[in-house]
mmCIF file of all heavy atoms, coordinates in Angstrom:
data_MODEL
# 
_entry.id   MODEL 
# 
loop_
_atom_site.group_PDB 
_atom_site.id 
_atom_site.type_symbol 
_atom_site.label_atom_id 
_atom_site.label_alt_id 
_atom_site.label_comp_id 
_atom_site.label_asym_id 
_atom_site.label_entity_id 
_atom_site.label_seq_id 
_atom_site.pdbx_PDB_ins_code 
_atom_site.Cartn_x 
_atom_site.Cartn_y 
_atom_site.Cartn_z 
_atom_site.occupancy 
_atom_site.B_iso_or_equiv 
_atom_site.pdbx_formal_charge 
_atom_site.auth_seq_id 
_atom_site.auth_comp_id 
_atom_site.auth_asym_id 
_atom_site.auth_atom_id 
_atom_site.pdbx_PDB_model_num 
ATOM 1   N N   . ARG A 1 1  ? 11.498 40.565 -4.758  1.00 0.00 ? 1  ARG A N   1 
ATOM 2   C CA  . ARG A 1 1  ? 11.687 39.473 -5.696  1.00 0.00 ? 1  ARG A CA  1 
ATOM 3   C C   . ARG A 1 1  ? 13.117 39.493 -6.188  1.00 0.00 ? 1  ARG A C   1 
ATOM 4   O O   . ARG A 1 1  ? 13.657 40.532 -6.536  1.00 0.00 ? 1  ARG A O   1 
ATOM 5   C CB  . ARG A 1 1  ? 10.739 39.618 -6.867  1.00 0.00 ? 1  ARG A CB  1 
ATOM 6   C CG  . ARG A 1 1  ? 9.322  39.157 -6.571  1.00 0.00 ? 1  ARG A CG  1 
ATOM 7   C CD  . ARG A 1 1  ? 9.223  37.666 -6.597  1.00 0.00 ? 1  ARG A CD  1 
ATOM 8   N NE  . ARG A 1 1  ? 7.832  37.212 -6.639  1.00 0.00 ? 1  ARG A NE  1 
ATOM 9   C CZ  . ARG A 1 1  ? 7.495  35.927 -6.636  1.00 0.00 ? 1  ARG A CZ  1 
ATOM 10  N NH1 . ARG A 1 1  ? 8.435  35.013 -6.601  1.00 0.00 ? 1  ARG A NH1 1 
ATOM 11  N NH2 . ARG A 1 1  ? 6.234  35.579 -6.667  1.00 0.00 ? 1  ARG A NH2 1 
ATOM 12  N N   . VAL A 1 2  ? 13.764 38.357 -6.232  1.00 0.00 ? 2  VAL A N   1 
ATOM 13  C CA  . VAL A 1 2  ? 15.138 38.288 -6.715  1.00 0.00 ? 2  VAL A CA  1 
ATOM 14  C C   . VAL A 1 2  ? 15.175 38.320 -8.240  1.00 0.00 ? 2  VAL A C   1 
ATOM 15  O O   . VAL A 1 2  ? 14.205 37.931 -8.903  1.00 0.00 ? 2  VAL A O   1 
ATOM 16  C CB  . VAL A 1 2  ? 15.862 37.021 -6.178  1.00 0.00 ? 2  VAL A CB  1 
ATOM 17  C CG1 . VAL A 1 2  ? 15.797 37.003 -4.651  1.00 0.00 ? 2  VAL A CG1 1 
ATOM 18  C CG2 . VAL A 1 2  ? 15.273 35.755 -6.785  1.00 0.00 ? 2  VAL A CG2 1 
ATOM 19  N N   . ASP A 1 3  ? 16.286 38.815 -8.773  1.00 0.00 ? 3  ASP A N   1 
ATOM 20  C CA  . ASP A 1 3  ? 16.480 38.775 -10.239 1.00 0.00 ? 3  ASP A CA  1 
ATOM 21  C C   . ASP A 1 3  ? 16.893 37.397 -10.671 1.00 0.00 ? 3  ASP A C   1 
ATOM 22  O O   . ASP A 1 3  ? 16.489 36.940 -11.771 1.00 0.00 ? 3  ASP A O   1 
ATOM 23  C CB  . ASP A 1 3  ? 17.560 39.783 -10.633 1.00 0.00 ? 3  ASP A CB  1 
ATOM 24  C CG  . ASP A 1 3  ? 17.155 41.213 -10.326 1.00 0.00 ? 3  ASP A CG  1 
ATOM 25  O OD1 . ASP A 1 3  ? 15.950 41.491 -10.251 1.00 0.00 ? 3  ASP A OD1 1 
ATOM 26  O OD2 . ASP A 1 3  ? 18.079 42.053 -10.141 1.00 0.00 ? 3  ASP A OD2 1 
ATOM 27  N N   . SER A 1 4  ? 17.684 36.711 -9.865  1.00 0.00 ? 4  SER A N   1 
ATOM 28  C CA  . SER A 1 4  ? 18.141 35.374 -10.173 1.00 0.00 ? 4  SER A CA  1 
ATOM 29  C C   . SER A 1 4  ? 18.561 34.709 -8.889  1.00 0.00 ? 4  SER A C   1 
ATOM 30  O O   . SER A 1 4  ? 18.802 35.368 -7.877  1.00 0.00 ? 4  SER A O   1 
ATOM 31  C CB  . SER A 1 4  ? 19.282 35.393 -11.185 1.00 0.00 ? 4  SER A CB  1 
ATOM 32  O OG  . SER A 1 4  ? 20.414 36.106 -10.621 1.00 0.00 ? 4  SER A OG  1 
ATOM 33  N N   . GLY A 1 5  ? 18.657 33.378 -8.934  1.00 0.00 ? 5  GLY A N   1 
ATOM 34  C CA  . GLY A 1 5  ? 19.025 32.608 -7.762  1.00 0.00 ? 5  GLY A CA  1 
ATOM 35  C C   . GLY A 1 5  ? 17.835 31.922 -7.147  1.00 0.00 ? 5  GLY A C   1 
ATOM 36  O O   . GLY A 1 5  ? 16.716 31.986 -7.641  1.00 0.00 ? 5  GLY A O   1 
ATOM 37  N N   . ARG A 1 6  ? 18.060 31.290 -6.014  1.00 0.00 ? 6  ARG A N   1 
ATOM 38  C CA  . ARG A 1 6  ? 17.054 30.423 -5.396  1.00 0.00 ? 6  ARG A CA  1 
ATOM 39  C C   . ARG A 1 6  ? 17.139 30.566 -3.868  1.00 0.00 ? 6  ARG A C   1 
ATOM 40  O O   . ARG A 1 6  ? 18.217 30.579 -3.302  1.00 0.00 ? 6  ARG A O   1 
ATOM 41  C CB  . ARG A 1 6  ? 17.335 28.978 -5.818  1.00 0.00 ? 6  ARG A CB  1 
ATOM 42  C CG  . ARG A 1 6  ? 16.448 27.901 -5.202  1.00 0.00 ? 6  ARG A CG  1 
ATOM 43  C CD  . ARG A 1 6  ? 16.979 26.536 -5.688  1.00 0.00 ? 6  ARG A CD  1 
ATOM 44  N NE  . ARG A 1 6  ? 16.338 25.421 -5.003  1.00 0.00 ? 6  ARG A NE  1 
ATOM 45  C CZ  . ARG A 1 6  ? 15.393 24.663 -5.570  1.00 0.00 ? 6  ARG A CZ  1 
ATOM 46  N NH1 . ARG A 1 6  ? 14.938 24.920 -6.780  1.00 0.00 ? 6  ARG A NH1 1 
ATOM 47  N NH2 . ARG A 1 6  ? 14.864 23.637 -4.905  1.00 0.00 ? 6  ARG A NH2 1 
ATOM 48  N N   . ILE A 1 7  ? 15.987 30.673 -3.218  1.00 0.00 ? 7  ILE A N   1 
ATOM 49  C CA  . ILE A 1 7  ? 15.909 30.752 -1.776  1.00 0.00 ? 7  ILE A CA  1 
ATOM 50  C C   . ILE A 1 7  ? 14.907 29.697 -1.278  1.00 0.00 ? 7  ILE A C   1 
ATOM 51  O O   . ILE A 1 7  ? 13.768 29.624 -1.752  1.00 0.00 ? 7  ILE A O   1 
ATOM 52  C CB  . ILE A 1 7  ? 15.447 32.141 -1.290  1.00 0.00 ? 7  ILE A CB  1 
ATOM 53  C CG1 . ILE A 1 7  ? 16.397 33.224 -1.777  1.00 0.00 ? 7  ILE A CG1 1 
ATOM 54  C CG2 . ILE A 1 7  ? 15.328 32.183 0.213   1.00 0.00 ? 7  ILE A CG2 1 
ATOM 55  C CD1 . ILE A 1 7  ? 15.983 34.641 -1.434  1.00 0.00 ? 7  ILE A CD1 1 
ATOM 56  N N   . THR A 1 8  ? 15.389 28.894 -0.351  1.00 0.00 ? 8  THR A N   1 
ATOM 57  C CA  . THR A 1 8  ? 14.565 27.813 0.245   1.00 0.00 ? 8  THR A CA  1 
ATOM 58  C C   . THR A 1 8  ? 14.447 28.057 1.754   1.00 0.00 ? 8  THR A C   1 
ATOM 59  O O   . THR A 1 8  ? 15.481 28.215 2.424   1.00 0.00 ? 8  THR A O   1 
ATOM 60  C CB  . THR A 1 8  ? 15.170 26.432 -0.029  1.00 0.00 ? 8  THR A CB  1 
ATOM 61  O OG1 . THR A 1 8  ? 15.368 26.258 -1.437  1.00 0.00 ? 8  THR A OG1 1 
ATOM 62  C CG2 . THR A 1 8  ? 14.253 25.330 0.488   1.00 0.00 ? 8  THR A CG2 1 
ATOM 63  N N   . ILE A 1 9  ? 13.215 28.102 2.259   1.00 0.00 ? 9  ILE A N   1 
ATOM 64  C CA  . ILE A 1 9  ? 12.962 28.283 3.688   1.00 0.00 ? 9  ILE A CA  1 
ATOM 65  C C   . ILE A 1 9  ? 12.201 27.057 4.191   1.00 0.00 ? 9  ILE A C   1 
ATOM 66  O O   . ILE A 1 9  ? 11.083 26.815 3.782   1.00 0.00 ? 9  ILE A O   1 
ATOM 67  C CB  . ILE A 1 9  ? 12.164 29.547 3.970   1.00 0.00 ? 9  ILE A CB  1 
ATOM 68  C CG1 . ILE A 1 9  ? 12.834 30.788 3.383   1.00 0.00 ? 9  ILE A CG1 1 
ATOM 69  C CG2 . ILE A 1 9  ? 11.984 29.707 5.492   1.00 0.00 ? 9  ILE A CG2 1 
ATOM 70  C CD1 . ILE A 1 9  ? 14.135 31.197 4.023   1.00 0.00 ? 9  ILE A CD1 1 
ATOM 71  N N   . ASP A 1 10 ? 12.854 26.291 5.081   1.00 0.00 ? 10 ASP A N   1 
ATOM 72  C CA  . ASP A 1 10 ? 12.180 25.124 5.687   1.00 0.00 ? 10 ASP A CA  1 
ATOM 73  C C   . ASP A 1 10 ? 11.562 24.227 4.642   1.00 0.00 ? 10 ASP A C   1 
ATOM 74  O O   . ASP A 1 10 ? 10.440 23.734 4.801   1.00 0.00 ? 10 ASP A O   1 
ATOM 75  C CB  . ASP A 1 10 ? 11.166 25.566 6.710   1.00 0.00 ? 10 ASP A CB  1 
ATOM 76  C CG  . ASP A 1 10 ? 10.823 24.481 7.693   1.00 0.00 ? 10 ASP A CG  1 
ATOM 77  O OD1 . ASP A 1 10 ? 11.634 23.568 7.900   1.00 0.00 ? 10 ASP A OD1 1 
ATOM 78  O OD2 . ASP A 1 10 ? 9.722  24.522 8.320   1.00 0.00 ? 10 ASP A OD2 1 
ATOM 79  N N   . GLY A 1 11 ? 12.286 24.002 3.561   1.00 0.00 ? 11 GLY A N   1 
ATOM 80  C CA  . GLY A 1 11 ? 11.848 23.088 2.516   1.00 0.00 ? 11 GLY A CA  1 
ATOM 81  C C   . GLY A 1 11 ? 10.974 23.725 1.431   1.00 0.00 ? 11 GLY A C   1 
ATOM 82  O O   . GLY A 1 11 ? 10.699 23.063 0.405   1.00 0.00 ? 11 GLY A O   1 
ATOM 83  N N   . THR A 1 12 ? 10.548 24.960 1.618   1.00 0.00 ? 12 THR A N   1 
ATOM 84  C CA  . THR A 1 12 ? 9.707  25.656 0.635   1.00 0.00 ? 12 THR A CA  1 
ATOM 85  C C   . THR A 1 12 ? 10.587 26.581 -0.193  1.00 0.00 ? 12 THR A C   1 
ATOM 86  O O   . THR A 1 12 ? 11.323 27.424 0.348   1.00 0.00 ? 12 THR A O   1 
ATOM 87  C CB  . THR A 1 12 ? 8.614  26.491 1.309   1.00 0.00 ? 12 THR A CB  1 
ATOM 88  O OG1 . THR A 1 12 ? 7.752  25.613 2.034   1.00 0.00 ? 12 THR A OG1 1 
ATOM 89  C CG2 . THR A 1 12 ? 7.781  27.237 0.264   1.00 0.00 ? 12 THR A CG2 1 
ATOM 90  N N   . VAL A 1 13 ? 10.512 26.456 -1.514  1.00 0.00 ? 13 VAL A N   1 
ATOM 91  C CA  . VAL A 1 13 ? 11.299 27.294 -2.414  1.00 0.00 ? 13 VAL A CA  1 
ATOM 92  C C   . VAL A 1 13 ? 10.491 28.569 -2.676  1.00 0.00 ? 13 VAL A C   1 
ATOM 93  O O   . VAL A 1 13 ? 9.560  28.563 -3.484  1.00 0.00 ? 13 VAL A O   1 
ATOM 94  C CB  . VAL A 1 13 ? 11.621 26.572 -3.725  1.00 0.00 ? 13 VAL A CB  1 
ATOM 95  C CG1 . VAL A 1 13 ? 12.488 27.491 -4.627  1.00 0.00 ? 13 VAL A CG1 1 
ATOM 96  C CG2 . VAL A 1 13 ? 12.348 25.269 -3.440  1.00 0.00 ? 13 VAL A CG2 1 
ATOM 97  N N   . LEU A 1 14 ? 10.852 29.649 -1.977  1.00 0.00 ? 14 LEU A N   1 
ATOM 98  C CA  . LEU A 1 14 ? 10.041 30.857 -2.084  1.00 0.00 ? 14 LEU A CA  1 
ATOM 99  C C   . LEU A 1 14 ? 10.227 31.579 -3.397  1.00 0.00 ? 14 LEU A C   1 
ATOM 100 O O   . LEU A 1 14 ? 9.428  32.442 -3.775  1.00 0.00 ? 14 LEU A O   1 
ATOM 101 C CB  . LEU A 1 14 ? 10.265 31.783 -0.891  1.00 0.00 ? 14 LEU A CB  1 
ATOM 102 C CG  . LEU A 1 14 ? 11.620 32.483 -0.697  1.00 0.00 ? 14 LEU A CG  1 
ATOM 103 C CD1 . LEU A 1 14 ? 11.709 33.768 -1.545  1.00 0.00 ? 14 LEU A CD1 1 
ATOM 104 C CD2 . LEU A 1 14 ? 11.787 32.862 0.761   1.00 0.00 ? 14 LEU A CD2 1 
ATOM 105 N N   . THR A 1 15 ? 11.296 31.252 -4.137  1.00 0.00 ? 15 THR A N   1 
ATOM 106 C CA  . THR A 1 15 ? 11.529 31.907 -5.413  1.00 0.00 ? 15 THR A CA  1 
ATOM 107 C C   . THR A 1 15 ? 10.750 31.225 -6.548  1.00 0.00 ? 15 THR A C   1 
ATOM 108 O O   . THR A 1 15 ? 10.770 31.700 -7.669  1.00 0.00 ? 15 THR A O   1 
ATOM 109 C CB  . THR A 1 15 ? 13.034 31.920 -5.735  1.00 0.00 ? 15 THR A CB  1 
ATOM 110 O OG1 . THR A 1 15 ? 13.598 30.629 -5.451  1.00 0.00 ? 15 THR A OG1 1 
ATOM 111 C CG2 . THR A 1 15 ? 13.749 32.982 -4.919  1.00 0.00 ? 15 THR A CG2 1 
ATOM 112 N N   . ASP A 1 16 ? 10.077 30.089 -6.263  1.00 0.00 ? 16 ASP A N   1 
ATOM 113 C CA  . ASP A 1 16 ? 9.257  29.473 -7.302  1.00 0.00 ? 16 ASP A CA  1 
ATOM 114 C C   . ASP A 1 16 ? 7.966  30.275 -7.486  1.00 0.00 ? 16 ASP A C   1 
ATOM 115 O O   . ASP A 1 16 ? 7.386  30.749 -6.515  1.00 0.00 ? 16 ASP A O   1 
ATOM 116 C CB  . ASP A 1 16 ? 8.877  28.046 -6.882  1.00 0.00 ? 16 ASP A CB  1 
ATOM 117 C CG  . ASP A 1 16 ? 10.000 27.057 -7.089  1.00 0.00 ? 16 ASP A CG  1 
ATOM 118 O OD1 . ASP A 1 16 ? 11.055 27.474 -7.623  1.00 0.00 ? 16 ASP A OD1 1 
ATOM 119 O OD2 . ASP A 1 16 ? 9.860  25.880 -6.682  1.00 0.00 ? 16 ASP A OD2 1 
ATOM 120 N N   . ARG A 1 17 ? 7.512  30.391 -8.703  1.00 0.00 ? 17 ARG A N   1 
ATOM 121 C CA  . ARG A 1 17 ? 6.352  31.208 -8.997  1.00 0.00 ? 17 ARG A CA  1 
ATOM 122 C C   . ARG A 1 17 ? 5.070  30.689 -8.337  1.00 0.00 ? 17 ARG A C   1 
ATOM 123 O O   . ARG A 1 17 ? 4.204  31.466 -8.002  1.00 0.00 ? 17 ARG A O   1 
ATOM 124 C CB  . ARG A 1 17 ? 6.137  31.241 -10.536 1.00 0.00 ? 17 ARG A CB  1 
ATOM 125 C CG  . ARG A 1 17 ? 7.188  32.089 -11.259 1.00 0.00 ? 17 ARG A CG  1 
ATOM 126 C CD  . ARG A 1 17 ? 7.072  33.540 -10.885 1.00 0.00 ? 17 ARG A CD  1 
ATOM 127 N NE  . ARG A 1 17 ? 8.107  34.341 -11.560 1.00 0.00 ? 17 ARG A NE  1 
ATOM 128 C CZ  . ARG A 1 17 ? 8.272  35.632 -11.356 1.00 0.00 ? 17 ARG A CZ  1 
ATOM 129 N NH1 . ARG A 1 17 ? 7.499  36.280 -10.474 1.00 0.00 ? 17 ARG A NH1 1 
ATOM 130 N NH2 . ARG A 1 17 ? 9.220  36.309 -11.976 1.00 0.00 ? 17 ARG A NH2 1 
ATOM 131 N N   . GLY A 1 18 ? 4.996  29.422 -8.104  1.00 0.00 ? 18 GLY A N   1 
ATOM 132 C CA  . GLY A 1 18 ? 3.776  28.870 -7.537  1.00 0.00 ? 18 GLY A CA  1 
ATOM 133 C C   . GLY A 1 18 ? 3.701  28.884 -6.009  1.00 0.00 ? 18 GLY A C   1 
ATOM 134 O O   . GLY A 1 18 ? 2.694  28.444 -5.446  1.00 0.00 ? 18 GLY A O   1 
ATOM 135 N N   . THR A 1 19 ? 4.735  29.409 -5.342  1.00 0.00 ? 19 THR A N   1 
ATOM 136 C CA  . THR A 1 19 ? 4.758  29.384 -3.876  1.00 0.00 ? 19 THR A CA  1 
ATOM 137 C C   . THR A 1 19 ? 3.746  30.363 -3.327  1.00 0.00 ? 19 THR A C   1 
ATOM 138 O O   . THR A 1 19 ? 3.628  31.512 -3.806  1.00 0.00 ? 19 THR A O   1 
ATOM 139 C CB  . THR A 1 19 ? 6.170  29.742 -3.394  1.00 0.00 ? 19 THR A CB  1 
ATOM 140 O OG1 . THR A 1 19 ? 7.083  28.731 -3.828  1.00 0.00 ? 19 THR A OG1 1 
ATOM 141 C CG2 . THR A 1 19 ? 6.211  29.809 -1.863  1.00 0.00 ? 19 THR A CG2 1 
ATOM 142 N N   . ASP A 1 20 ? 3.018  29.945 -2.304  1.00 0.00 ? 20 ASP A N   1 
ATOM 143 C CA  . ASP A 1 20 ? 2.074  30.834 -1.605  1.00 0.00 ? 20 ASP A CA  1 
ATOM 144 C C   . ASP A 1 20 ? 2.905  31.732 -0.684  1.00 0.00 ? 20 ASP A C   1 
ATOM 145 O O   . ASP A 1 20 ? 3.276  31.332 0.437   1.00 0.00 ? 20 ASP A O   1 
ATOM 146 C CB  . ASP A 1 20 ? 1.076  29.961 -0.824  1.00 0.00 ? 20 ASP A CB  1 
ATOM 147 C CG  . ASP A 1 20 ? 0.021  30.818 -0.107  1.00 0.00 ? 20 ASP A CG  1 
ATOM 148 O OD1 . ASP A 1 20 ? 0.208  32.038 0.034   1.00 0.00 ? 20 ASP A OD1 1 
ATOM 149 O OD2 . ASP A 1 20 ? -1.001 30.236 0.312   1.00 0.00 ? 20 ASP A OD2 1 
ATOM 150 N N   . LEU A 1 21 ? 3.135  32.937 -1.110  1.00 0.00 ? 21 LEU A N   1 
ATOM 151 C CA  . LEU A 1 21 ? 4.035  33.821 -0.343  1.00 0.00 ? 21 LEU A CA  1 
ATOM 152 C C   . LEU A 1 21 ? 3.394  34.302 0.941   1.00 0.00 ? 21 LEU A C   1 
ATOM 153 O O   . LEU A 1 21 ? 4.103  34.515 1.941   1.00 0.00 ? 21 LEU A O   1 
ATOM 154 C CB  . LEU A 1 21 ? 4.420  35.049 -1.211  1.00 0.00 ? 21 LEU A CB  1 
ATOM 155 C CG  . LEU A 1 21 ? 5.257  34.700 -2.468  1.00 0.00 ? 21 LEU A CG  1 
ATOM 156 C CD1 . LEU A 1 21 ? 5.623  35.977 -3.212  1.00 0.00 ? 21 LEU A CD1 1 
ATOM 157 C CD2 . LEU A 1 21 ? 6.494  33.912 -2.080  1.00 0.00 ? 21 LEU A CD2 1 
ATOM 158 N N   . ASN A 1 22 ? 2.111  34.446 0.982   1.00 0.00 ? 22 ASN A N   1 
ATOM 159 C CA  . ASN A 1 22 ? 1.454  34.851 2.230   1.00 0.00 ? 22 ASN A CA  1 
ATOM 160 C C   . ASN A 1 22 ? 1.600  33.785 3.300   1.00 0.00 ? 22 ASN A C   1 
ATOM 161 O O   . ASN A 1 22 ? 1.868  34.107 4.473   1.00 0.00 ? 22 ASN A O   1 
ATOM 162 C CB  . ASN A 1 22 ? -0.035 35.163 1.985   1.00 0.00 ? 22 ASN A CB  1 
ATOM 163 C CG  . ASN A 1 22 ? -0.243 36.467 1.242   1.00 0.00 ? 22 ASN A CG  1 
ATOM 164 O OD1 . ASN A 1 22 ? 0.546  37.376 1.378   1.00 0.00 ? 22 ASN A OD1 1 
ATOM 165 N ND2 . ASN A 1 22 ? -1.287 36.506 0.446   1.00 0.00 ? 22 ASN A ND2 1 
ATOM 166 N N   . ALA A 1 23 ? 1.451  32.516 2.909   1.00 0.00 ? 23 ALA A N   1 
ATOM 167 C CA  . ALA A 1 23 ? 1.635  31.417 3.852   1.00 0.00 ? 23 ALA A CA  1 
ATOM 168 C C   . ALA A 1 23 ? 3.084  31.385 4.306   1.00 0.00 ? 23 ALA A C   1 
ATOM 169 O O   . ALA A 1 23 ? 3.343  31.115 5.492   1.00 0.00 ? 23 ALA A O   1 
ATOM 170 C CB  . ALA A 1 23 ? 1.227  30.091 3.201   1.00 0.00 ? 23 ALA A CB  1 
ATOM 171 N N   . LEU A 1 24 ? 4.011  31.577 3.411   1.00 0.00 ? 24 LEU A N   1 
ATOM 172 C CA  . LEU A 1 24 ? 5.419  31.560 3.781   1.00 0.00 ? 24 LEU A CA  1 
ATOM 173 C C   . LEU A 1 24 ? 5.767  32.705 4.721   1.00 0.00 ? 24 LEU A C   1 
ATOM 174 O O   . LEU A 1 24 ? 6.468  32.530 5.737   1.00 0.00 ? 24 LEU A O   1 
ATOM 175 C CB  . LEU A 1 24 ? 6.299  31.613 2.552   1.00 0.00 ? 24 LEU A CB  1 
ATOM 176 C CG  . LEU A 1 24 ? 7.797  31.530 2.863   1.00 0.00 ? 24 LEU A CG  1 
ATOM 177 C CD1 . LEU A 1 24 ? 8.484  30.522 1.966   1.00 0.00 ? 24 LEU A CD1 1 
ATOM 178 C CD2 . LEU A 1 24 ? 8.473  32.893 2.763   1.00 0.00 ? 24 LEU A CD2 1 
ATOM 179 N N   . ARG A 1 25 ? 5.251  33.899 4.451   1.00 0.00 ? 25 ARG A N   1 
ATOM 180 C CA  . ARG A 1 25 ? 5.562  35.063 5.278   1.00 0.00 ? 25 ARG A CA  1 
ATOM 181 C C   . ARG A 1 25 ? 5.036  34.873 6.704   1.00 0.00 ? 25 ARG A C   1 
ATOM 182 O O   . ARG A 1 25 ? 5.574  35.416 7.641   1.00 0.00 ? 25 ARG A O   1 
ATOM 183 C CB  . ARG A 1 25 ? 4.978  36.340 4.687   1.00 0.00 ? 25 ARG A CB  1 
ATOM 184 C CG  . ARG A 1 25 ? 5.669  36.791 3.413   1.00 0.00 ? 25 ARG A CG  1 
ATOM 185 C CD  . ARG A 1 25 ? 5.183  38.162 2.933   1.00 0.00 ? 25 ARG A CD  1 
ATOM 186 N NE  . ARG A 1 25 ? 5.755  38.488 1.676   1.00 0.00 ? 25 ARG A NE  1 
ATOM 187 C CZ  . ARG A 1 25 ? 5.057  38.628 0.533   1.00 0.00 ? 25 ARG A CZ  1 
ATOM 188 N NH1 . ARG A 1 25 ? 3.765  38.424 0.553   1.00 0.00 ? 25 ARG A NH1 1 
ATOM 189 N NH2 . ARG A 1 25 ? 5.660  38.951 -0.584  1.00 0.00 ? 25 ARG A NH2 1 
ATOM 190 N N   . ALA A 1 26 ? 3.987  34.074 6.834   1.00 0.00 ? 26 ALA A N   1 
ATOM 191 C CA  . ALA A 1 26 ? 3.450  33.818 8.188   1.00 0.00 ? 26 ALA A CA  1 
ATOM 192 C C   . ALA A 1 26 ? 4.442  33.000 9.013   1.00 0.00 ? 26 ALA A C   1 
ATOM 193 O O   . ALA A 1 26 ? 4.419  33.022 10.249  1.00 0.00 ? 26 ALA A O   1 
ATOM 194 C CB  . ALA A 1 26 ? 2.109  33.063 8.090   1.00 0.00 ? 26 ALA A CB  1 
# 
């Protein structure tokens, strides 16, 4: 988890709290 900043992968913001990280990791 980052301390600050923003990461977007293929339109999904993985640093947002509501992101499904398991789906993204797939």
